[in-house]
Structures are given as C-alpha cells and as structure tokens.
Protein backbone atom coordinates (compact mmCIF):
# COMPACT_ATOMS: atom_id res chain seq x y z
CA MET A 1 -19.80 0.04 -19.14
CA ARG A 2 -22.24 1.78 -20.41
CA PHE A 3 -23.17 5.93 -19.42
CA LEU A 4 -27.03 6.95 -18.62
CA ARG A 5 -28.41 10.32 -18.44
CA ARG A 6 -31.71 11.38 -17.27
CA GLN A 7 -32.94 14.62 -19.00
CA GLY A 8 -35.69 16.32 -18.70
CA VAL A 9 -37.77 19.33 -16.60
CA PHE A 10 -37.36 18.28 -12.69
CA CYS A 11 -38.72 20.13 -9.75
CA ARG A 12 -35.78 19.96 -7.32
CA THR A 13 -37.42 16.90 -5.53
CA CYS A 14 -37.72 14.73 -8.57
CA ALA A 15 -34.07 15.78 -9.90
CA LEU A 16 -32.67 14.66 -6.28
CA ALA A 17 -35.41 11.01 -6.28
CA SER A 18 -33.61 10.42 -9.93
CA PHE A 19 -30.14 11.59 -9.14
CA ARG A 20 -30.21 9.29 -5.98
CA ASP A 21 -31.38 6.09 -7.52
CA MET A 22 -28.80 6.67 -9.99
CA GLN A 23 -25.66 7.53 -7.56
CA ALA A 24 -26.91 4.47 -5.48
CA ASP A 25 -27.25 2.32 -8.64
CA THR A 26 -23.65 3.35 -9.86
CA MET A 27 -22.46 2.87 -6.68
CA VAL A 28 -23.37 -1.09 -7.28
CA MET A 29 -23.18 -1.87 -10.76
CA GLY A 30 -20.17 0.65 -11.48
CA TRP A 31 -17.74 -1.46 -10.53
CA TRP A 32 -18.07 -4.69 -12.53
CA GLY A 33 -15.75 -3.66 -15.60
CA PRO A 34 -11.90 -3.75 -15.76
CA LEU A 35 -11.88 -0.03 -17.07
CA SER A 36 -14.62 0.15 -14.79
CA VAL A 37 -13.26 -0.32 -11.38
CA LEU A 38 -10.71 2.70 -12.61
CA ILE A 39 -13.71 5.31 -13.81
CA THR A 40 -16.50 4.99 -11.64
CA PRO A 41 -14.82 6.61 -8.59
CA PHE A 42 -14.34 9.83 -11.35
CA VAL A 43 -18.17 9.03 -12.55
CA LEU A 44 -19.60 9.33 -8.74
CA LEU A 45 -17.40 12.65 -8.36
CA ALA A 46 -18.32 13.97 -11.24
CA ASN A 47 -22.04 13.42 -10.14
CA LEU A 48 -21.93 14.99 -6.94
CA SER A 49 -21.56 18.41 -10.17
CA ALA A 50 -24.98 17.43 -10.61
CA LEU A 51 -26.37 17.33 -6.94
CA SER A 52 -25.09 20.72 -6.61
CA GLY A 53 -26.85 21.93 -9.27
CA ILE A 54 -30.08 20.00 -8.24
CA ARG A 55 -29.56 22.12 -4.87
CA ARG A 56 -29.89 25.38 -6.75
CA ILE A 57 -33.29 24.27 -8.62
CA PRO A 58 -36.21 26.24 -6.42
CA GLU A 59 -38.83 24.37 -4.08
CA PRO A 60 -41.36 22.51 -6.08
CA ALA A 61 -44.48 24.86 -6.61
CA PRO A 62 -47.90 22.98 -5.78
CA GLY A 63 -49.38 21.61 -9.01
CA TRP A 64 -51.40 18.70 -10.29
CA ARG A 65 -49.19 15.85 -9.70
CA PRO A 66 -47.08 15.38 -6.57
CA PRO A 67 -43.28 15.34 -6.70
CA LEU A 68 -41.24 11.64 -6.57
CA ASP A 69 -40.27 11.40 -3.01
CA PRO A 70 -36.78 11.19 -2.95
CA GLY A 71 -35.81 8.19 -0.69
CA LYS A 72 -33.03 7.94 1.81
CA PRO A 73 -29.92 9.19 0.72
CA VAL A 74 -27.64 7.17 -1.03
CA PHE A 75 -26.08 5.78 1.77
CA ARG A 76 -28.66 5.07 4.06
CA ARG A 77 -29.77 2.69 0.84
CA PRO A 78 -28.56 -0.95 0.41
CA ALA A 79 -26.71 -0.06 -2.54
CA GLY A 80 -24.83 2.51 -0.60
CA ILE A 81 -24.04 0.48 2.29
CA LEU A 82 -22.85 -2.25 -0.56
CA ALA A 83 -21.05 0.07 -2.07
CA LEU A 84 -18.85 0.68 0.72
CA VAL A 85 -16.99 -2.28 0.19
CA PRO A 86 -15.09 -1.15 -3.13
CA LEU A 87 -14.88 2.37 -1.83
CA SER A 88 -13.23 1.05 1.42
CA LEU A 89 -10.75 -0.91 -0.49
CA LEU A 90 -10.07 1.91 -3.40
CA GLY A 91 -9.17 3.89 -0.36
CA LEU A 92 -6.90 1.57 1.10
CA VAL A 93 -4.94 1.24 -1.62
CA VAL A 94 -5.06 5.11 -2.06
CA LEU A 95 -3.63 5.62 1.21
CA ALA A 96 -1.64 2.21 1.15
CA VAL A 97 0.78 3.06 -1.83
CA PRO A 98 2.52 6.61 -0.81
CA LEU A 99 2.06 5.33 2.87
CA LEU A 100 4.48 2.11 1.55
CA LEU A 101 6.41 4.60 -0.04
CA LEU A 102 7.25 6.36 2.17
CA VAL A 103 8.19 3.98 4.78
CA GLY A 104 10.57 2.44 1.86
CA MET A 105 12.42 5.89 1.73
CA LEU A 106 12.33 6.50 5.18
CA ALA A 107 13.44 2.67 5.92
CA GLY A 108 16.12 2.95 2.86
CA PRO A 109 18.27 0.23 1.48
CA ASP A 110 19.50 -2.72 3.30
CA SER A 111 21.57 -5.59 2.53
CA GLY A 112 19.24 -7.94 1.24
CA ASP A 113 17.33 -10.19 4.62
CA GLY A 114 18.07 -7.09 7.46
CA HIS A 115 21.70 -8.56 7.92
CA PRO A 116 24.51 -5.58 8.51
CA PRO A 117 26.92 -5.94 5.86
CA LEU A 118 30.59 -7.25 6.59
CA THR A 119 33.40 -5.80 5.36
CA ALA A 120 37.20 -7.23 5.09
CA GLY A 121 39.05 -6.25 7.92
CA SER A 122 36.32 -5.25 10.30
CA CYS A 123 35.27 -7.62 13.44
CA ALA A 124 31.86 -9.75 14.09
CA ARG A 125 30.05 -12.10 16.47
CA ASN A 126 27.85 -14.77 15.50
CA ASP A 127 24.69 -14.59 18.02
CA ALA A 128 23.69 -18.05 17.39
CA PRO A 129 24.98 -20.99 17.75
CA TRP A 130 27.86 -22.65 14.62
CA PRO A 131 26.78 -23.71 11.97
CA GLU A 132 23.64 -21.30 12.33
CA GLN A 133 24.91 -17.98 11.64
CA SER A 134 23.47 -14.68 13.35
CA LEU A 135 26.55 -12.57 12.57
CA ARG A 136 26.58 -8.37 13.21
CA PRO A 137 29.52 -6.26 12.97
CA VAL A 138 30.76 -5.04 16.69
CA GLY A 139 34.21 -2.92 16.95
CA CYS A 140 37.60 -4.94 16.66
CA GLY A 141 38.27 -3.15 20.06
CA SER A 142 35.15 -4.32 21.70
CA SER A 143 35.14 -7.40 24.07
CA GLN A 144 32.08 -8.74 22.22
CA ALA A 145 34.62 -9.24 19.09
CA GLN A 146 35.00 -12.82 18.20
CA TYR A 147 35.90 -12.66 14.43
CA ARG A 148 38.67 -10.67 12.02
CA VAL A 149 36.50 -10.69 8.70
CA VAL A 150 39.39 -11.09 5.94
CA ASP A 151 38.69 -11.69 2.04
CA PRO A 152 38.85 -14.49 0.25
CA MET A 153 40.49 -12.62 -2.63
CA ASP A 154 43.26 -12.18 -0.09
CA GLY A 155 43.99 -15.58 0.00
CA PRO A 156 42.20 -19.28 0.80
CA CYS A 157 40.33 -19.32 4.46
CA ALA A 158 42.46 -21.03 6.56
CA SER A 159 41.55 -24.36 7.98
CA ARG A 160 40.10 -23.17 11.49
CA ASP A 161 38.09 -20.57 9.84
CA TYR A 162 34.66 -20.25 9.57
CA VAL A 163 32.59 -19.02 6.25
CA ALA A 164 30.32 -16.29 6.88
CA ASP A 165 27.33 -17.31 4.25
CA PRO A 166 27.26 -14.76 0.93
CA GLU A 167 24.08 -12.84 2.57
CA TYR A 168 26.48 -11.45 4.86
CA SER A 169 29.08 -9.70 2.42
CA LYS A 170 28.44 -5.95 0.85
CA ASP A 171 27.15 -7.94 -2.68
CA GLY A 172 25.24 -10.65 -0.84
CA VAL A 173 27.19 -13.19 -3.33
CA THR A 174 30.65 -13.57 -1.67
CA SER A 175 31.73 -15.82 1.21
CA LEU A 176 33.64 -14.16 3.76
CA CYS A 177 36.45 -15.83 6.12
CA LEU A 178 35.66 -15.62 9.47
CA HIS A 179 38.99 -15.88 11.40
CA ALA A 180 38.66 -16.69 15.43
CA LEU A 181 40.10 -14.20 17.58
CA LYS A 182 42.42 -15.16 20.63
CA ARG A 183 41.29 -13.96 23.57
C-alpha cells in the first residue's frame, strides 16, 4: 500500500488530466492488499474533494505550452470499467448485510429447521407417511388432529405411540410421544 500525491502549479486542464490518471490507477491497483480493500473506497471518495478543488481553478490562459489532454472520464477508461467489479462487490456487501439483518429481524426466531414446535397436551398432524415426519400442530378439536402430544417426562411412551423427532420439541433435544387419537 502506498499513497501518492502530485504537487505543482496546474491549470484546470492539466490538473484534471493528472486527477483522472491517478484516480484510474487507484481504481485498478488500490484493491490488492488486505487493508487496501478497506481503505480504497475511502481514498476514492477523498479524491473527489480534490476534484471539486480542480473545478474551481480558472480556465488555462493561452501560453507557451499547450495544456495536457484530460482524456476520457475515469469510468470511460478501461481501468474505470475494470474497477466496477470490486466497486459492485463492495456495494453488494454494503447493501446485503443490512438487508439480511432486516430480514432476520422481521422473520424472527424459529425452532431450528422451520418446523413449528409441538408442546405437551397439544395435538398434531403428520403430513408424511410414517416413518417420515412432517408434523405440524393443529387444534385438538379439529378434524385434522391425528395425535395428542405427550411429554415423556410424564411417563414412558406407550407401546403403540409414535415418537416425534427431537427437532419438533421446543428445545430441539427432547423426543415427544404422539398418542394416536381415535376417530
């Protein structure tokens, strides 16, 4: 990493030419160090203040030497176009992190794998054929209720009861008993 500065007495056209060359070089070569990845965006923004100073310089007066050709604007040069790749990635990160945080806050916590938790005393329905499980809680008065959820702490599961995978419990560790309801 290195910081370069061109000093001197410049007319507006010569200063603009120097600015565009140095800004294009920074956009290509400024990203290649571990700290440079973090510092380069700030350097590019700080250089824009120099550009505002350049625009306040009066137009060059005719003299014995012609002014430099300012060349194409920075983003119309190959270096500027190439710099759009890291700038775009940086922009995506800057936008993605807050967006993901917002989505996470709006979605709220879940029980782990997206399964709604089952609680002792509630009723459940299995939407998959046994032994696979796709359990979801339903009201015990509902015609969809197939099983009453029993906590194994109240006693061992009966011989005809099914055992729910631990991921369906609130803590994600406890296996719950599913007692078939007679319909």
